[in-house]
């Protein structure tokens, strides 16, 4: 049996939910509606997580080192 609805919380304040696109039918069609929401409670946290994601995706050690240096100076 498949779960008809669901939700998942992601990095950076993202919330994704899904539900069947049509009322329950027999047999089910399998199509779903997917919704993405941004849950921002702390703007500075979202900004820092975006900066961290960019440094990771870049893959260069210099980007990560610069981010770590910046964080150590702020502490």
C-alpha atoms as a PDB file:
ATOM      1  CA  UNK A   1       0.000   0.000   0.000  1.00  0.00           C
ATOM      2  CA  UNK A   2       1.377   3.387  -1.011  1.00  0.00           C
ATOM      3  CA  UNK A   3       1.135   6.492   1.183  1.00  0.00           C
ATOM      4  CA  UNK A   4      -1.313   8.892  -0.531  1.00  0.00           C
ATOM      5  CA  UNK A   5       0.166  12.073   0.955  1.00  0.00           C
ATOM      6  CA  UNK A   6       3.497  13.137   2.340  1.00  0.00           C
ATOM      7  CA  UNK A   7       5.766  15.959   3.345  1.00  0.00           C
ATOM      8  CA  UNK A   8       9.506  16.435   3.678  1.00  0.00           C
ATOM      9  CA  UNK A   9      11.518  19.242   5.243  1.00  0.00           C
ATOM     10  CA  UNK A  10      14.743  20.132   3.479  1.00  0.00           C
ATOM     11  CA  UNK A  11      17.883  22.187   3.855  1.00  0.00           C
ATOM     12  CA  UNK A  12      17.492  25.966   3.764  1.00  0.00           C
ATOM     13  CA  UNK A  13      13.890  26.149   4.915  1.00  0.00           C
ATOM     14  CA  UNK A  14      12.350  24.163   2.062  1.00  0.00           C
ATOM     15  CA  UNK A  15       9.177  22.158   2.607  1.00  0.00           C
ATOM     16  CA  UNK A  16       7.840  19.799  -0.071  1.00  0.00           C
ATOM     17  CA  UNK A  17       4.430  18.164   0.103  1.00  0.00           C
ATOM     18  CA  UNK A  18       2.521  15.914  -2.265  1.00  0.00           C
ATOM     19  CA  UNK A  19      -0.973  14.533  -2.630  1.00  0.00           C
ATOM     20  CA  UNK A  20      -2.926  12.663  -5.304  1.00  0.00           C
ATOM     21  CA  UNK A  21      -3.874  14.952  -8.179  1.00  0.00           C
ATOM     22  CA  UNK A  22      -7.370  13.453  -8.333  1.00  0.00           C
ATOM     23  CA  UNK A  23      -9.717  12.080  -5.687  1.00  0.00           C
ATOM     24  CA  UNK A  24      -9.033   8.474  -4.770  1.00  0.00           C
ATOM     25  CA  UNK A  25     -10.064   6.245  -7.638  1.00  0.00           C
ATOM     26  CA  UNK A  26     -10.063   2.517  -8.077  1.00  0.00           C
ATOM     27  CA  UNK A  27      -7.496   1.717  -9.427  1.00  0.00           C
ATOM     28  CA  UNK A  28      -5.345   4.745  -8.524  1.00  0.00           C
ATOM     29  CA  UNK A  29      -3.848   6.686 -11.438  1.00  0.00           C
ATOM     30  CA  UNK A  30      -0.505   7.274  -9.736  1.00  0.00           C
ATOM     31  CA  UNK A  31      -0.234  10.981 -10.550  1.00  0.00           C
ATOM     32  CA  UNK A  32       0.432  13.482  -7.771  1.00  0.00           C
ATOM     33  CA  UNK A  33       0.479  17.218  -7.179  1.00  0.00           C
ATOM     34  CA  UNK A  34       3.737  18.452  -5.664  1.00  0.00           C
ATOM     35  CA  UNK A  35       4.052  21.730  -3.763  1.00  0.00           C
ATOM     36  CA  UNK A  36       7.235  23.505  -2.672  1.00  0.00           C
ATOM     37  CA  UNK A  37       7.160  26.045   0.127  1.00  0.00           C
ATOM     38  CA  UNK A  38       9.832  28.269   1.645  1.00  0.00           C
ATOM     39  CA  UNK A  39       9.573  28.449   5.415  1.00  0.00           C
ATOM     40  CA  UNK A  40      11.739  31.336   6.468  1.00  0.00           C
ATOM     41  CA  UNK A  41      11.831  31.981  10.178  1.00  0.00           C
ATOM     42  CA  UNK A  42      15.381  33.319  10.339  1.00  0.00           C
ATOM     43  CA  UNK A  43      16.605  35.217   7.288  1.00  0.00           C
ATOM     44  CA  UNK A  44      20.233  35.101   8.444  1.00  0.00           C
ATOM     45  CA  UNK A  45      20.090  31.299   8.689  1.00  0.00           C
ATOM     46  CA  UNK A  46      18.803  30.991   5.125  1.00  0.00           C
ATOM     47  CA  UNK A  47      21.517  33.345   3.921  1.00  0.00           C
ATOM     48  CA  UNK A  48      24.242  31.337   5.673  1.00  0.00           C
ATOM     49  CA  UNK A  49      22.904  28.004   4.402  1.00  0.00           C
ATOM     50  CA  UNK A  50      22.777  29.341   0.829  1.00  0.00           C
ATOM     51  CA  UNK A  51      26.375  30.512   1.166  1.00  0.00           C
ATOM     52  CA  UNK A  52      27.377  27.083   2.520  1.00  0.00           C
ATOM     53  CA  UNK A  53      25.599  25.236  -0.319  1.00  0.00           C
ATOM     54  CA  UNK A  54      27.385  27.415  -2.885  1.00  0.00           C
ATOM     55  CA  UNK A  55      30.766  26.652  -1.305  1.00  0.00           C
ATOM     56  CA  UNK A  56      30.059  22.910  -1.323  1.00  0.00           C
ATOM     57  CA  UNK A  57      28.763  22.830  -4.901  1.00  0.00           C
ATOM     58  CA  UNK A  58      31.767  24.775  -6.110  1.00  0.00           C
ATOM     59  CA  UNK A  59      33.967  21.948  -4.851  1.00  0.00           C
ATOM     60  CA  UNK A  60      37.047  24.144  -4.510  1.00  0.00           C
ATOM     61  CA  UNK A  61      38.888  24.023  -1.232  1.00  0.00           C
ATOM     62  CA  UNK A  62      39.534  27.767  -1.432  1.00  0.00           C
ATOM     63  CA  UNK A  63      35.782  28.479  -1.291  1.00  0.00           C
ATOM     64  CA  UNK A  64      35.346  26.281   1.764  1.00  0.00           C
ATOM     65  CA  UNK A  65      38.450  27.727   3.398  1.00  0.00           C
ATOM     66  CA  UNK A  66      37.193  31.288   2.806  1.00  0.00           C
ATOM     67  CA  UNK A  67      33.843  30.380   4.343  1.00  0.00           C
ATOM     68  CA  UNK A  68      35.549  28.854   7.393  1.00  0.00           C
ATOM     69  CA  UNK A  69      37.825  31.894   7.769  1.00  0.00           C
ATOM     70  CA  UNK A  70      34.824  34.210   7.608  1.00  0.00           C
ATOM     71  CA  UNK A  71      32.988  32.167  10.257  1.00  0.00           C
ATOM     72  CA  UNK A  72      36.007  32.142  12.579  1.00  0.00           C
ATOM     73  CA  UNK A  73      36.352  35.944  12.293  1.00  0.00           C
ATOM     74  CA  UNK A  74      32.657  36.391  13.133  1.00  0.00           C
ATOM     75  CA  UNK A  75      32.967  34.264  16.289  1.00  0.00           C
END
